């Protein structure tokens, strides 16, 4: 057993099989130079479970009777929850000002927006605020779906209480309108919060995403940077197979699908770049 306070060693061979298992299960990919990073992120779990090594942890995840219970803890350990309100807002503006009006005018059914990796909820709440500001909740059948693989992130999203870093670019008048001081931070307005349907979903699990991916508007931003090219292709293919036509996929500013063969093609819509399935 590793002594308290001492990080267990992650040997190269164990790193390879452990990172491949993680990649295949939840998509997060670690290149060879990230061995110490992966070890650091999972060291606490190895200690808390009183295991002797990372190899024991691998066997637990792969074959152990406690594997199903451990995967959520691992996902929380690897989750990157760096997000904030109004992030890369040009895409949300294109959705609200251009795409939703087109969708409603064409009578394509309910306006369904899916935030596919919502972390602690700032993205789908930003979308809900923008839709509400434009009056769409009163003028159309609008649904905002939000999912994440991290139970800890979803718990924070469902609580709806945020600290100052989440508000660093949100216009002050919107913060005043939709948020109020609360214990532990600032709480979102309950009426707006209720507009977002939060649920767990692993993007690599077809059962988790089958219904969600039918949304014509999918936000999957700043997620693919943590995936291998093969995993990105797999996820995007799943979106394309289930989404209607047209469908719109919003990715992060630093993410590109240009090397991924898919039904989505990059277009510029109201000064925002969006991948479109026609």
Protein backbone atom coordinates (compact mmCIF):
# COMPACT_ATOMS: atom_id res chain seq x y z
CA UNK A 1 0.00 0.00 0.00
CA UNK A 2 1.31 3.48 -0.87
CA UNK A 3 2.13 5.55 2.26
CA UNK A 4 -0.11 8.55 2.95
CA UNK A 5 1.07 11.68 1.16
CA UNK A 6 3.26 9.76 -1.28
CA UNK A 7 2.16 9.52 -4.91
CA UNK A 8 2.22 5.95 -6.27
CA UNK A 9 4.36 5.34 -9.31
CA UNK A 10 2.67 4.89 -12.69
CA UNK A 11 4.97 2.60 -14.71
CA UNK A 12 4.98 2.99 -18.49
CA UNK A 13 3.37 -0.37 -19.19
CA UNK A 14 0.55 0.26 -16.72
CA UNK A 15 0.11 3.77 -18.08
CA UNK A 16 -0.45 2.42 -21.61
CA UNK A 17 -3.15 -0.10 -20.69
CA UNK A 18 -4.80 2.28 -18.22
CA UNK A 19 -4.93 5.24 -20.60
CA UNK A 20 -6.25 3.00 -23.43
CA UNK A 21 -9.01 1.71 -21.17
CA UNK A 22 -9.95 5.26 -20.19
CA UNK A 23 -9.90 6.44 -23.80
CA UNK A 24 -12.15 3.60 -24.94
CA UNK A 25 -14.63 4.07 -22.08
CA UNK A 26 -14.99 7.85 -21.69
CA UNK A 27 -12.97 9.29 -24.59
CA UNK A 28 -10.37 11.29 -22.67
CA UNK A 29 -6.97 10.71 -24.26
CA UNK A 30 -3.49 11.03 -22.71
CA UNK A 31 -0.43 11.14 -24.95
CA UNK A 32 2.83 9.52 -23.80
CA UNK A 33 4.17 12.78 -22.37
CA UNK A 34 1.09 13.07 -20.12
CA UNK A 35 1.90 9.99 -18.03
CA UNK A 36 2.71 12.05 -14.91
CA UNK A 37 -0.44 14.12 -15.41
CA UNK A 38 -2.65 11.02 -15.48
CA UNK A 39 -0.84 9.59 -12.46
CA UNK A 40 -1.35 12.80 -10.52
CA UNK A 41 -5.06 12.93 -11.32
CA UNK A 42 -5.69 9.34 -10.23
CA UNK A 43 -3.29 9.04 -7.30
CA UNK A 44 -5.91 10.05 -4.76
CA UNK A 45 -8.26 7.32 -5.96
CA UNK A 46 -5.52 4.70 -5.61
CA UNK A 47 -4.85 5.84 -2.05
CA UNK A 48 -8.51 6.16 -1.07
CA UNK A 49 -9.21 2.65 -2.30
CA UNK A 50 -6.16 1.38 -0.35
CA UNK A 51 -4.68 -0.21 -3.46
CA UNK A 52 -1.01 -1.10 -3.79
CA UNK A 53 -0.50 0.18 -7.33
CA UNK A 54 -2.00 1.68 -10.46
CA UNK A 55 -2.02 -1.83 -11.90
CA UNK A 56 -4.42 -2.86 -9.16
CA UNK A 57 -6.54 0.14 -10.08
CA UNK A 58 -6.55 -0.94 -13.73
CA UNK A 59 -7.74 -4.43 -12.76
CA UNK A 60 -10.47 -2.91 -10.61
CA UNK A 61 -11.72 -0.79 -13.52
CA UNK A 62 -11.43 -3.62 -16.03
CA UNK A 63 -12.56 -6.66 -14.09
CA UNK A 64 -13.47 -5.73 -10.52
CA UNK A 65 -16.96 -6.11 -9.06
CA UNK A 66 -16.70 -2.46 -8.03
CA UNK A 67 -15.91 -1.18 -11.53
CA UNK A 68 -19.35 0.34 -12.20
CA UNK A 69 -19.19 2.27 -8.95
CA UNK A 70 -15.63 3.48 -9.58
CA UNK A 71 -15.99 4.86 -13.11
CA UNK A 72 -17.97 7.93 -11.97
CA UNK A 73 -15.21 8.74 -9.45
CA UNK A 74 -12.59 8.41 -12.19
CA UNK A 75 -14.63 10.64 -14.50
CA UNK A 76 -14.85 13.29 -11.78
CA UNK A 77 -11.08 13.08 -11.25
CA UNK A 78 -10.40 13.69 -14.95
CA UNK A 79 -13.15 16.26 -15.51
CA UNK A 80 -12.02 19.75 -16.54
CA UNK A 81 -14.65 22.21 -15.30
CA UNK A 82 -13.14 25.45 -16.58
CA UNK A 83 -16.10 27.32 -18.03
CA UNK A 84 -17.99 30.57 -17.54
CA UNK A 85 -21.10 32.44 -18.64
CA UNK A 86 -21.18 34.03 -22.11
CA UNK A 87 -18.10 32.08 -23.27
CA UNK A 88 -17.60 32.30 -27.07
CA UNK A 89 -20.95 34.00 -27.24
CA UNK A 90 -20.88 34.68 -30.99
CA UNK A 91 -22.15 31.15 -31.58
CA UNK A 92 -25.03 31.57 -29.14
CA UNK A 93 -25.96 34.83 -30.83
CA UNK A 94 -25.99 33.09 -34.23
CA UNK A 95 -28.26 30.42 -32.76
CA UNK A 96 -30.72 32.89 -31.26
CA UNK A 97 -30.71 35.58 -33.97
CA UNK A 98 -30.46 33.45 -37.14
CA UNK A 99 -30.91 29.72 -36.70
CA UNK A 100 -33.85 29.59 -34.30
CA UNK A 101 -35.89 32.07 -36.42
CA UNK A 102 -35.17 29.94 -39.51
CA UNK A 103 -36.15 26.77 -37.65
CA UNK A 104 -39.41 28.23 -36.39
CA UNK A 105 -40.31 29.80 -39.75
CA UNK A 106 -39.77 26.47 -41.49
CA UNK A 107 -42.00 24.71 -38.92
CA UNK A 108 -39.42 22.02 -38.21
CA UNK A 109 -40.84 21.18 -34.80
CA UNK A 110 -39.65 22.03 -31.30
CA UNK A 111 -36.49 24.05 -30.87
CA UNK A 112 -34.21 21.57 -29.09
CA UNK A 113 -30.73 22.66 -28.02
CA UNK A 114 -28.32 20.16 -26.45
CA UNK A 115 -25.27 21.24 -24.46
CA UNK A 116 -23.42 17.94 -24.79
CA UNK A 117 -20.69 18.52 -22.20
CA UNK A 118 -22.23 21.11 -19.93
CA UNK A 119 -19.73 20.82 -17.03
CA UNK A 120 -21.14 22.93 -14.17
CA UNK A 121 -23.92 24.41 -16.29
CA UNK A 122 -22.74 27.84 -17.38
CA UNK A 123 -23.08 27.04 -21.10
CA UNK A 124 -26.70 25.81 -21.18
CA UNK A 125 -27.74 28.56 -18.77
CA UNK A 126 -26.12 31.13 -21.07
CA UNK A 127 -28.11 29.66 -23.96
CA UNK A 128 -31.30 29.81 -21.89
CA UNK A 129 -30.64 33.43 -20.94
CA UNK A 130 -30.09 34.40 -24.59
CA UNK A 131 -33.23 32.57 -25.71
CA UNK A 132 -35.25 34.22 -22.95
CA UNK A 133 -33.88 37.67 -23.73
CA UNK A 134 -35.04 37.21 -27.35
CA UNK A 135 -38.47 36.07 -26.18
CA UNK A 136 -38.26 32.59 -27.67
CA UNK A 137 -39.63 30.74 -24.66
CA UNK A 138 -42.88 32.69 -25.14
CA UNK A 139 -42.99 32.36 -28.93
CA UNK A 140 -42.02 28.74 -29.59
CA UNK A 141 -41.73 25.27 -28.09
CA UNK A 142 -38.15 25.45 -26.78
CA UNK A 143 -36.23 22.78 -24.88
CA UNK A 144 -32.67 23.15 -23.54
CA UNK A 145 -30.99 19.83 -22.75
CA UNK A 146 -27.68 19.58 -20.89
CA UNK A 147 -25.53 16.57 -20.11
CA UNK A 148 -22.15 15.67 -18.71
CA UNK A 149 -20.30 12.49 -17.79
CA UNK A 150 -19.11 13.88 -14.44
CA UNK A 151 -21.52 13.36 -11.54
CA UNK A 152 -19.74 16.06 -9.52
CA UNK A 153 -20.10 18.62 -12.32
CA UNK A 154 -23.77 17.79 -12.79
CA UNK A 155 -24.42 18.14 -9.06
CA UNK A 156 -23.01 21.69 -9.21
CA UNK A 157 -25.06 22.47 -12.32
CA UNK A 158 -28.24 21.27 -10.65
CA UNK A 159 -27.48 23.33 -7.56
CA UNK A 160 -27.06 26.45 -9.70
CA UNK A 161 -24.75 28.38 -7.36
CA UNK A 162 -21.67 30.03 -8.90
CA UNK A 163 -18.57 31.91 -7.80
CA UNK A 164 -17.13 35.10 -9.25
CA UNK A 165 -14.98 33.45 -11.95
CA UNK A 166 -18.11 32.24 -13.71
CA UNK A 167 -19.28 35.84 -14.25
CA UNK A 168 -16.12 37.37 -15.68
CA UNK A 169 -17.66 38.25 -19.08
CA UNK A 170 -21.41 38.13 -18.40
CA UNK A 171 -22.93 41.61 -18.92
CA UNK A 172 -23.73 43.15 -15.51
CA UNK A 173 -27.39 43.82 -16.33
CA UNK A 174 -27.93 40.11 -17.10
CA UNK A 175 -26.25 39.08 -13.86
CA UNK A 176 -28.53 41.43 -11.96
CA UNK A 177 -31.60 40.12 -13.79
CA UNK A 178 -30.97 36.37 -13.57
CA UNK A 179 -28.87 35.86 -10.43
CA UNK A 180 -29.08 36.67 -6.72
CA UNK A 181 -26.69 36.33 -3.76
CA UNK A 182 -26.91 32.98 -1.99
CA UNK A 183 -24.99 30.90 0.49
CA UNK A 184 -21.71 29.90 -1.14
CA UNK A 185 -21.94 32.29 -4.08
CA UNK A 186 -24.55 33.58 -6.52
CA UNK A 187 -27.63 31.53 -7.44
CA UNK A 188 -29.39 31.44 -10.79
CA UNK A 189 -33.05 32.41 -10.98
CA UNK A 190 -35.15 29.28 -10.32
CA UNK A 191 -37.45 29.96 -13.27
CA UNK A 192 -34.57 30.13 -15.71
CA UNK A 193 -32.83 27.18 -14.07
CA UNK A 194 -35.95 25.08 -14.59
CA UNK A 195 -35.71 25.70 -18.34
CA UNK A 196 -32.62 23.46 -18.53
CA UNK A 197 -33.00 19.69 -18.29
CA UNK A 198 -29.79 18.23 -16.80
CA UNK A 199 -28.91 14.55 -17.11
CA UNK A 200 -25.83 12.29 -17.12
CA UNK A 201 -24.45 11.14 -20.47
CA UNK A 202 -21.20 9.61 -21.70
CA UNK A 203 -20.62 10.80 -25.27
CA UNK A 204 -19.19 7.38 -26.17
CA UNK A 205 -22.27 5.53 -24.96
CA UNK A 206 -24.90 5.32 -27.70
CA UNK A 207 -27.62 4.51 -25.18
CA UNK A 208 -26.85 7.74 -23.31
CA UNK A 209 -26.88 9.97 -26.40
CA UNK A 210 -29.45 8.33 -28.68
CA UNK A 211 -32.31 10.67 -27.78
CA UNK A 212 -30.15 13.72 -27.04
CA UNK A 213 -28.48 13.67 -30.45
CA UNK A 214 -31.84 14.14 -32.17
CA UNK A 215 -31.58 17.83 -31.24
CA UNK A 216 -31.04 20.03 -34.31
CA UNK A 217 -28.69 22.29 -32.34
CA UNK A 218 -25.76 20.63 -30.55
CA UNK A 219 -23.14 22.49 -28.53
CA UNK A 220 -20.09 20.30 -27.91
CA UNK A 221 -17.45 22.88 -27.14
CA UNK A 222 -13.97 22.51 -25.66
CA UNK A 223 -14.42 18.76 -25.34
CA UNK A 224 -12.76 17.39 -28.45
CA UNK A 225 -9.40 18.87 -27.40
CA UNK A 226 -9.26 16.07 -24.81
CA UNK A 227 -10.17 13.31 -27.30
CA UNK A 228 -8.08 11.44 -29.86
CA UNK A 229 -8.89 11.99 -33.54
CA UNK A 230 -10.47 8.54 -33.74
CA UNK A 231 -12.69 9.27 -30.73
CA UNK A 232 -13.76 12.63 -32.16
CA UNK A 233 -14.71 10.90 -35.41
CA UNK A 234 -16.72 8.32 -33.49
CA UNK A 235 -18.63 10.92 -31.49
CA UNK A 236 -19.35 13.14 -34.49
CA UNK A 237 -20.51 10.14 -36.50
CA UNK A 238 -22.97 9.35 -33.71
CA UNK A 239 -24.28 12.92 -33.84
CA UNK A 240 -24.66 12.79 -37.61
CA UNK A 241 -26.51 9.47 -37.58
CA UNK A 242 -29.20 10.72 -35.21
CA UNK A 243 -29.49 14.44 -35.89
CA UNK A 244 -32.10 15.77 -38.32
CA UNK A 245 -31.25 17.75 -41.43
CA UNK A 246 -30.44 20.52 -41.17
CA UNK A 247 -28.53 20.18 -37.91
CA UNK A 248 -25.91 22.46 -36.42
CA UNK A 249 -22.87 21.45 -34.36
CA UNK A 250 -21.06 24.13 -32.37
CA UNK A 251 -17.47 23.34 -31.33
CA UNK A 252 -14.87 25.38 -29.44
CA UNK A 253 -12.80 28.04 -31.17
CA UNK A 254 -9.66 25.90 -30.93
CA UNK A 255 -11.35 22.74 -32.22
CA UNK A 256 -11.58 21.65 -35.85
CA UNK A 257 -13.32 18.78 -37.62
CA UNK A 258 -11.63 19.48 -40.96
CA UNK A 259 -9.61 16.26 -40.69
CA UNK A 260 -12.63 14.23 -39.62
CA UNK A 261 -14.79 12.78 -42.36
CA UNK A 262 -18.39 13.50 -41.41
CA UNK A 263 -21.73 14.77 -42.65
CA UNK A 264 -21.02 18.14 -41.00
CA UNK A 265 -19.45 20.90 -43.10
CA UNK A 266 -18.02 24.14 -41.75
CA UNK A 267 -20.00 27.30 -42.49
CA UNK A 268 -19.93 30.90 -41.30
CA UNK A 269 -23.26 32.04 -39.89
CA UNK A 270 -23.59 35.60 -38.65
CA UNK A 271 -19.82 35.85 -38.02
CA UNK A 272 -19.74 32.54 -36.12
CA UNK A 273 -18.29 29.26 -37.38
CA UNK A 274 -20.67 26.34 -37.20
CA UNK A 275 -20.60 22.78 -38.55
CA UNK A 276 -23.76 22.07 -40.53
CA UNK A 277 -25.43 18.87 -41.67
CA UNK A 278 -27.56 19.70 -44.70
